[in-house]
Amino acid sequence: MFSEAELIARCRQGDADAWDGLFDRYYTLAGKFIYQMAPTFSPDDVEEICQDVFLSVIRNLSSFQGHSAFQTWLYRIAANKARDFLERQRAAKRGGGEVPFSLDAEDPETGLKLDPPGLAPTPDGILMNAETMSMMRAALDRLGDPCREIIELKYFGDLSYEEIAYELRLNPKTVSSRLSKCLDKLEEIARPLFKRENLSSPSV
């Protein structure tokens, strides 16, 4: 079993077996990360995005300097590709209704299911317990970077504070503080969206 550095070095040398090993090691992780960004993705959607992600990895591996873990670099590519895919879906379906979903729902074809860490419902309960991914994604998109990135790495990539700190050139305490502030901002953005949704929902 090659180390990550050895595997990447061999890939750069054009070793086909090394590329197979890289895909075997990280393809499923990338798929899970993409699914957790938007569980409304179908298995075909996730597969299409994954293929796009690894095509980008093949094209850009030479730019990976090893300043962060390869997995974190991969997640950043996957986040961008998933957001691009979502934008294309929105453009294609513009004018249609929102698609509700439950974060506890399990895909009948893949068996994949969100399994976020148990957190207090406030302030990040807004993130993990939203009734529709479309509203949550809209709130995250309004939040923008760098807050959006740190939230995605933490909750969708399930990275530790130390891993995020290493990737973003911060210390873990700064990551914790910044994440808390970003979640507060996300709550401020998301609350009006959910309030409008509740007001527009028919009474029982």
C-alpha atoms as a PDB file:
ATOM      1  CA  MET A   1       0.000   0.000   0.000  1.00  0.00           C
ATOM      2  CA  PHE A   2       1.558   3.247  -1.148  1.00  0.00           C
ATOM      3  CA  SER A   3       1.436   6.364   0.980  1.00  0.00           C
ATOM      4  CA  GLU A   4      -0.538   9.316  -0.366  1.00  0.00           C
ATOM      5  CA  ALA A   5       2.665  11.104  -1.415  1.00  0.00           C
ATOM      6  CA  GLU A   6       4.025   8.012  -3.174  1.00  0.00           C
ATOM      7  CA  LEU A   7       0.725   7.424  -4.948  1.00  0.00           C
ATOM      8  CA  ILE A   8       0.556  11.001  -6.214  1.00  0.00           C
ATOM      9  CA  ALA A   9       4.212  10.941  -7.305  1.00  0.00           C
ATOM     10  CA  ARG A  10       3.592   7.769  -9.317  1.00  0.00           C
ATOM     11  CA  CYS A  11       0.456   9.297 -10.889  1.00  0.00           C
ATOM     12  CA  ARG A  12       2.522  12.278 -12.005  1.00  0.00           C
ATOM     13  CA  GLN A  13       4.925   9.846 -13.652  1.00  0.00           C
ATOM     14  CA  GLY A  14       2.032   8.382 -15.654  1.00  0.00           C
ATOM     15  CA  ASP A  15       1.759   5.096 -13.728  1.00  0.00           C
ATOM     16  CA  ALA A  16      -1.637   3.661 -14.747  1.00  0.00           C
ATOM     17  CA  ASP A  17      -1.776   1.357 -11.721  1.00  0.00           C
ATOM     18  CA  ALA A  18      -1.193   4.342  -9.454  1.00  0.00           C
ATOM     19  CA  TRP A  19      -4.107   6.188 -11.063  1.00  0.00           C
ATOM     20  CA  ASP A  20      -6.289   3.128 -10.480  1.00  0.00           C
ATOM     21  CA  GLY A  21      -5.157   3.122  -6.853  1.00  0.00           C
ATOM     22  CA  LEU A  22      -5.920   6.828  -6.476  1.00  0.00           C
ATOM     23  CA  PHE A  23      -9.437   6.364  -7.859  1.00  0.00           C
ATOM     24  CA  ASP A  24     -10.053   3.308  -5.681  1.00  0.00           C
ATOM     25  CA  ARG A  25      -8.961   5.195  -2.588  1.00  0.00           C
ATOM     26  CA  TYR A  26     -10.833   8.465  -3.138  1.00  0.00           C
ATOM     27  CA  TYR A  27     -13.714   7.978  -5.605  1.00  0.00           C
ATOM     28  CA  THR A  28     -16.209   6.767  -2.984  1.00  0.00           C
ATOM     29  CA  LEU A  29     -15.189   9.531  -0.572  1.00  0.00           C
ATOM     30  CA  ALA A  30     -15.771  12.131  -3.265  1.00  0.00           C
ATOM     31  CA  GLY A  31     -19.161  10.615  -4.083  1.00  0.00           C
ATOM     32  CA  LYS A  32     -20.269  10.717  -0.455  1.00  0.00           C
ATOM     33  CA  PHE A  33     -19.118  14.322  -0.113  1.00  0.00           C
ATOM     34  CA  ILE A  34     -21.033  15.331  -3.263  1.00  0.00           C
ATOM     35  CA  TYR A  35     -24.166  13.502  -2.144  1.00  0.00           C
ATOM     36  CA  GLN A  36     -24.091  15.231   1.230  1.00  0.00           C
ATOM     37  CA  MET A  37     -23.890  18.619  -0.447  1.00  0.00           C
ATOM     38  CA  ALA A  38     -27.236  17.934  -2.120  1.00  0.00           C
ATOM     39  CA  PRO A  39     -29.020  14.651  -1.363  1.00  0.00           C
ATOM     40  CA  THR A  40     -31.504  15.576  -4.112  1.00  0.00           C
ATOM     41  CA  PHE A  41     -28.784  14.482  -6.541  1.00  0.00           C
ATOM     42  CA  SER A  42     -29.636  11.193  -8.206  1.00  0.00           C
ATOM     43  CA  PRO A  43     -27.019   8.417  -8.337  1.00  0.00           C
ATOM     44  CA  ASP A  44     -26.465   9.350 -11.994  1.00  0.00           C
ATOM     45  CA  ASP A  45     -25.917  12.986 -10.988  1.00  0.00           C
ATOM     46  CA  VAL A  46     -23.321  11.988  -8.385  1.00  0.00           C
ATOM     47  CA  GLU A  47     -21.582   9.736 -10.903  1.00  0.00           C
ATOM     48  CA  GLU A  48     -21.482  12.517 -13.501  1.00  0.00           C
ATOM     49  CA  ILE A  49     -20.059  15.020 -11.011  1.00  0.00           C
ATOM     50  CA  CYS A  50     -17.503  12.482  -9.745  1.00  0.00           C
ATOM     51  CA  GLN A  51     -16.297  11.865 -13.275  1.00  0.00           C
ATOM     52  CA  ASP A  52     -15.955  15.610 -13.805  1.00  0.00           C
ATOM     53  CA  VAL A  53     -14.071  15.930 -10.511  1.00  0.00           C
ATOM     54  CA  PHE A  54     -11.542  13.232 -11.363  1.00  0.00           C
ATOM     55  CA  LEU A  55     -11.104  14.560 -14.884  1.00  0.00           C
ATOM     56  CA  SER A  56     -10.142  17.842 -13.221  1.00  0.00           C
ATOM     57  CA  VAL A  57      -7.787  15.945 -10.889  1.00  0.00           C
ATOM     58  CA  ILE A  58      -6.084  14.321 -13.874  1.00  0.00           C
ATOM     59  CA  ARG A  59      -5.685  17.682 -15.597  1.00  0.00           C
ATOM     60  CA  ASN A  60      -4.548  19.612 -12.527  1.00  0.00           C
ATOM     61  CA  LEU A  61      -2.602  17.157 -10.376  1.00  0.00           C
ATOM     62  CA  SER A  62       0.607  18.939 -11.323  1.00  0.00           C
ATOM     63  CA  SER A  63      -0.719  22.050  -9.534  1.00  0.00           C
ATOM     64  CA  PHE A  64      -1.243  20.158  -6.259  1.00  0.00           C
ATOM     65  CA  GLN A  65       1.664  21.245  -4.096  1.00  0.00           C
ATOM     66  CA  GLY A  66       0.977  19.054  -1.073  1.00  0.00           C
ATOM     67  CA  HIS A  67       0.423  22.013   1.265  1.00  0.00           C
ATOM     68  CA  SER A  68      -2.818  20.333   2.327  1.00  0.00           C
ATOM     69  CA  ALA A  69      -4.036  16.750   2.352  1.00  0.00           C
ATOM     70  CA  PHE A  70      -4.969  15.459  -1.098  1.00  0.00           C
ATOM     71  CA  GLN A  71      -8.439  14.599   0.224  1.00  0.00           C
ATOM     72  CA  THR A  72      -9.031  18.224   1.239  1.00  0.00           C
ATOM     73  CA  TRP A  73      -7.866  19.448  -2.183  1.00  0.00           C
ATOM     74  CA  LEU A  74     -10.205  16.907  -3.766  1.00  0.00           C
ATOM     75  CA  TYR A  75     -13.131  18.114  -1.644  1.00  0.00           C
ATOM     76  CA  ARG A  76     -12.573  21.689  -2.774  1.00  0.00           C
ATOM     77  CA  ILE A  77     -12.724  20.603  -6.407  1.00  0.00           C
ATOM     78  CA  ALA A  78     -15.807  18.484  -5.674  1.00  0.00           C
ATOM     79  CA  ALA A  79     -17.551  21.411  -3.939  1.00  0.00           C
ATOM     80  CA  ASN A  80     -16.985  23.648  -6.955  1.00  0.00           C
ATOM     81  CA  LYS A  81     -18.135  20.987  -9.419  1.00  0.00           C
ATOM     82  CA  ALA A  82     -21.243  20.194  -7.342  1.00  0.00           C
ATOM     83  CA  ARG A  83     -22.162  23.890  -7.124  1.00  0.00           C
ATOM     84  CA  ASP A  84     -21.695  24.244 -10.886  1.00  0.00           C
ATOM     85  CA  PHE A  85     -23.943  21.237 -11.438  1.00  0.00           C
ATOM     86  CA  LEU A  86     -26.598  22.671  -9.120  1.00  0.00           C
ATOM     87  CA  GLU A  87     -26.516  25.962 -11.008  1.00  0.00           C
ATOM     88  CA  ARG A  88     -27.048  24.130 -14.296  1.00  0.00           C
ATOM     89  CA  GLN A  89     -29.959  22.221 -12.766  1.00  0.00           C
ATOM     90  CA  ARG A  90     -31.509  25.452 -11.492  1.00  0.00           C
ATOM     91  CA  ALA A  91     -31.104  27.077 -14.885  1.00  0.00           C
ATOM     92  CA  ALA A  92     -32.761  24.095 -16.579  1.00  0.00           C
ATOM     93  CA  LYS A  93     -35.647  24.010 -14.108  1.00  0.00           C
ATOM     94  CA  ARG A  94     -36.070  27.761 -13.597  1.00  0.00           C
ATOM     95  CA  GLY A  95     -39.673  28.528 -12.899  1.00  0.00           C
ATOM     96  CA  GLY A  96     -40.367  25.117 -11.339  1.00  0.00           C
ATOM     97  CA  GLY A  97     -41.265  24.415  -7.736  1.00  0.00           C
ATOM     98  CA  GLU A  98     -38.934  23.571  -4.902  1.00  0.00           C
ATOM     99  CA  VAL A  99     -38.265  19.899  -4.219  1.00  0.00           C
ATOM    100  CA  PRO A 100     -38.632  19.065  -0.504  1.00  0.00           C
ATOM    101  CA  PHE A 101     -36.529  16.397   1.114  1.00  0.00           C
ATOM    102  CA  SER A 102     -35.521  15.126   4.520  1.00  0.00           C
ATOM    103  CA  LEU A 103     -31.920  15.002   5.666  1.00  0.00           C
ATOM    104  CA  ASP A 104     -32.863  11.681   7.288  1.00  0.00           C
ATOM    105  CA  ALA A 105     -34.048  10.254   3.972  1.00  0.00           C
ATOM    106  CA  GLU A 106     -32.182   7.304   2.493  1.00  0.00           C
ATOM    107  CA  ASP A 107     -31.688   6.907  -1.244  1.00  0.00           C
ATOM    108  CA  PRO A 108     -33.377   3.590  -2.180  1.00  0.00           C
ATOM    109  CA  GLU A 109     -30.807   2.912  -4.903  1.00  0.00           C
ATOM    110  CA  THR A 110     -27.576   3.744  -3.083  1.00  0.00           C
ATOM    111  CA  GLY A 111     -28.562   3.412   0.578  1.00  0.00           C
ATOM    112  CA  LEU A 112     -26.605   6.611   1.211  1.00  0.00           C
ATOM    113  CA  LYS A 113     -27.804   8.792   4.039  1.00  0.00           C
ATOM    114  CA  LEU A 114     -26.658  11.979   5.681  1.00  0.00           C
ATOM    115  CA  ASP A 115     -25.136  11.305   9.041  1.00  0.00           C
ATOM    116  CA  PRO A 116     -24.246  14.709  10.495  1.00  0.00           C
ATOM    117  CA  PRO A 117     -22.708  14.937  13.955  1.00  0.00           C
ATOM    118  CA  GLY A 118     -25.097  15.460  16.840  1.00  0.00           C
ATOM    119  CA  LEU A 119     -25.116  19.208  17.431  1.00  0.00           C
ATOM    120  CA  ALA A 120     -27.303  21.590  19.379  1.00  0.00           C
ATOM    121  CA  PRO A 121     -30.141  22.882  17.231  1.00  0.00           C
ATOM    122  CA  THR A 122     -28.977  26.494  17.516  1.00  0.00           C
ATOM    123  CA  PRO A 123     -27.242  28.082  15.675  1.00  0.00           C
ATOM    124  CA  ASP A 124     -26.152  25.295  13.348  1.00  0.00           C
ATOM    125  CA  GLY A 125     -29.463  23.472  13.639  1.00  0.00           C
ATOM    126  CA  ILE A 126     -30.554  25.643  10.763  1.00  0.00           C
ATOM    127  CA  LEU A 127     -27.894  23.989   8.642  1.00  0.00           C
ATOM    128  CA  MET A 128     -28.402  20.367   9.626  1.00  0.00           C
ATOM    129  CA  ASN A 129     -32.190  20.338  10.061  1.00  0.00           C
ATOM    130  CA  ALA A 130     -33.399  22.364   7.073  1.00  0.00           C
ATOM    131  CA  GLU A 131     -36.475  20.852   5.435  1.00  0.00           C
ATOM    132  CA  THR A 132     -35.369  21.626   1.911  1.00  0.00           C
ATOM    133  CA  MET A 133     -31.885  21.461   0.444  1.00  0.00           C
ATOM    134  CA  SER A 134     -32.764  24.157  -2.052  1.00  0.00           C
ATOM    135  CA  MET A 135     -33.285  26.694   0.743  1.00  0.00           C
ATOM    136  CA  MET A 136     -30.149  25.606   2.571  1.00  0.00           C
ATOM    137  CA  ARG A 137     -28.089  25.823  -0.613  1.00  0.00           C
ATOM    138  CA  ALA A 138     -29.569  29.248  -1.345  1.00  0.00           C
ATOM    139  CA  ALA A 139     -28.561  30.422   2.135  1.00  0.00           C
ATOM    140  CA  LEU A 140     -25.030  29.025   1.741  1.00  0.00           C
ATOM    141  CA  ASP A 141     -24.679  30.652  -1.671  1.00  0.00           C
ATOM    142  CA  ARG A 142     -25.726  34.004  -0.230  1.00  0.00           C
ATOM    143  CA  LEU A 143     -23.230  33.517   2.567  1.00  0.00           C
ATOM    144  CA  GLY A 144     -20.380  33.285   0.087  1.00  0.00           C
ATOM    145  CA  ASP A 145     -16.741  32.441   0.688  1.00  0.00           C
ATOM    146  CA  PRO A 146     -14.833  32.048   2.959  1.00  0.00           C
ATOM    147  CA  CYS A 147     -17.730  31.111   5.266  1.00  0.00           C
ATOM    148  CA  ARG A 148     -19.315  28.784   2.725  1.00  0.00           C
ATOM    149  CA  GLU A 149     -16.062  26.890   2.273  1.00  0.00           C
ATOM    150  CA  ILE A 150     -15.372  26.374   5.964  1.00  0.00           C
ATOM    151  CA  ILE A 151     -18.943  25.120   6.556  1.00  0.00           C
ATOM    152  CA  GLU A 152     -18.779  22.733   3.592  1.00  0.00           C
ATOM    153  CA  LEU A 153     -15.421  21.311   4.687  1.00  0.00           C
ATOM    154  CA  LYS A 154     -16.663  20.813   8.249  1.00  0.00           C
ATOM    155  CA  TYR A 155     -20.176  19.442   7.701  1.00  0.00           C
ATOM    156  CA  PHE A 156     -20.049  17.903   4.230  1.00  0.00           C
ATOM    157  CA  GLY A 157     -16.381  16.855   4.216  1.00  0.00           C
ATOM    158  CA  ASP A 158     -16.454  15.908   7.919  1.00  0.00           C
ATOM    159  CA  LEU A 159     -12.963  17.341   8.357  1.00  0.00           C
ATOM    160  CA  SER A 160     -11.575  18.036  11.806  1.00  0.00           C
ATOM    161  CA  TYR A 161     -10.689  21.523  13.004  1.00  0.00           C
ATOM    162  CA  GLU A 162      -7.032  20.553  12.627  1.00  0.00           C
ATOM    163  CA  GLU A 163      -7.499  19.457   9.002  1.00  0.00           C
ATOM    164  CA  ILE A 164      -9.412  22.616   8.133  1.00  0.00           C
ATOM    165  CA  ALA A 165      -6.801  24.723   9.917  1.00  0.00           C
ATOM    166  CA  TYR A 166      -4.031  23.086   7.899  1.00  0.00           C
ATOM    167  CA  GLU A 167      -5.892  23.658   4.634  1.00  0.00           C
ATOM    168  CA  LEU A 168      -6.825  27.287   5.323  1.00  0.00           C
ATOM    169  CA  ARG A 169      -3.533  28.249   7.032  1.00  0.00           C
ATOM    170  CA  LEU A 170      -5.249  28.974  10.353  1.00  0.00           C
ATOM    171  CA  ASN A 171      -4.891  27.605  13.854  1.00  0.00           C
ATOM    172  CA  PRO A 172      -7.640  25.290  15.140  1.00  0.00           C
ATOM    173  CA  LYS A 173      -8.931  27.853  17.652  1.00  0.00           C
ATOM    174  CA  THR A 174      -9.371  30.376  14.853  1.00  0.00           C
ATOM    175  CA  VAL A 175     -11.229  27.755  12.806  1.00  0.00           C
ATOM    176  CA  SER A 176     -13.582  27.090  15.725  1.00  0.00           C
ATOM    177  CA  SER A 177     -14.223  30.797  16.267  1.00  0.00           C
ATOM    178  CA  ARG A 178     -14.691  31.533  12.573  1.00  0.00           C
ATOM    179  CA  LEU A 179     -17.013  28.568  12.104  1.00  0.00           C
ATOM    180  CA  SER A 180     -19.187  29.753  14.978  1.00  0.00           C
ATOM    181  CA  LYS A 181     -19.408  33.253  13.490  1.00  0.00           C
ATOM    182  CA  CYS A 182     -20.148  31.857  10.035  1.00  0.00           C
ATOM    183  CA  LEU A 183     -22.952  29.688  11.410  1.00  0.00           C
ATOM    184  CA  ASP A 184     -24.428  32.771  13.084  1.00  0.00           C
ATOM    185  CA  LYS A 185     -24.345  34.572   9.736  1.00  0.00           C
ATOM    186  CA  LEU A 186     -25.909  31.557   8.034  1.00  0.00           C
ATOM    187  CA  GLU A 187     -28.714  31.533  10.583  1.00  0.00           C
ATOM    188  CA  GLU A 188     -29.406  35.221   9.916  1.00  0.00           C
ATOM    189  CA  ILE A 189     -29.651  34.545   6.186  1.00  0.00           C
ATOM    190  CA  ALA A 190     -31.618  31.312   6.490  1.00  0.00           C
ATOM    191  CA  ARG A 191     -34.220  32.357   9.067  1.00  0.00           C
ATOM    192  CA  PRO A 192     -36.180  34.672   6.706  1.00  0.00           C
ATOM    193  CA  LEU A 193     -36.131  31.983   4.010  1.00  0.00           C
ATOM    194  CA  PHE A 194     -37.640  29.406   6.358  1.00  0.00           C
ATOM    195  CA  LYS A 195     -40.125  31.940   7.715  1.00  0.00           C
ATOM    196  CA  ARG A 196     -41.367  32.681   4.206  1.00  0.00           C
ATOM    197  CA  GLU A 197     -41.609  28.961   3.511  1.00  0.00           C
ATOM    198  CA  ASN A 198     -43.653  28.412   6.669  1.00  0.00           C
ATOM    199  CA  LEU A 199     -45.951  31.322   5.833  1.00  0.00           C
ATOM    200  CA  SER A 200     -46.493  30.014   2.322  1.00  0.00           C
ATOM    201  CA  SER A 201     -47.205  26.463   3.492  1.00  0.00           C
ATOM    202  CA  PRO A 202     -50.936  25.586   3.565  1.00  0.00           C
ATOM    203  CA  SER A 203     -52.393  25.242   7.032  1.00  0.00           C
ATOM    204  CA  VAL A 204     -53.566  21.802   8.066  1.00  0.00           C
END
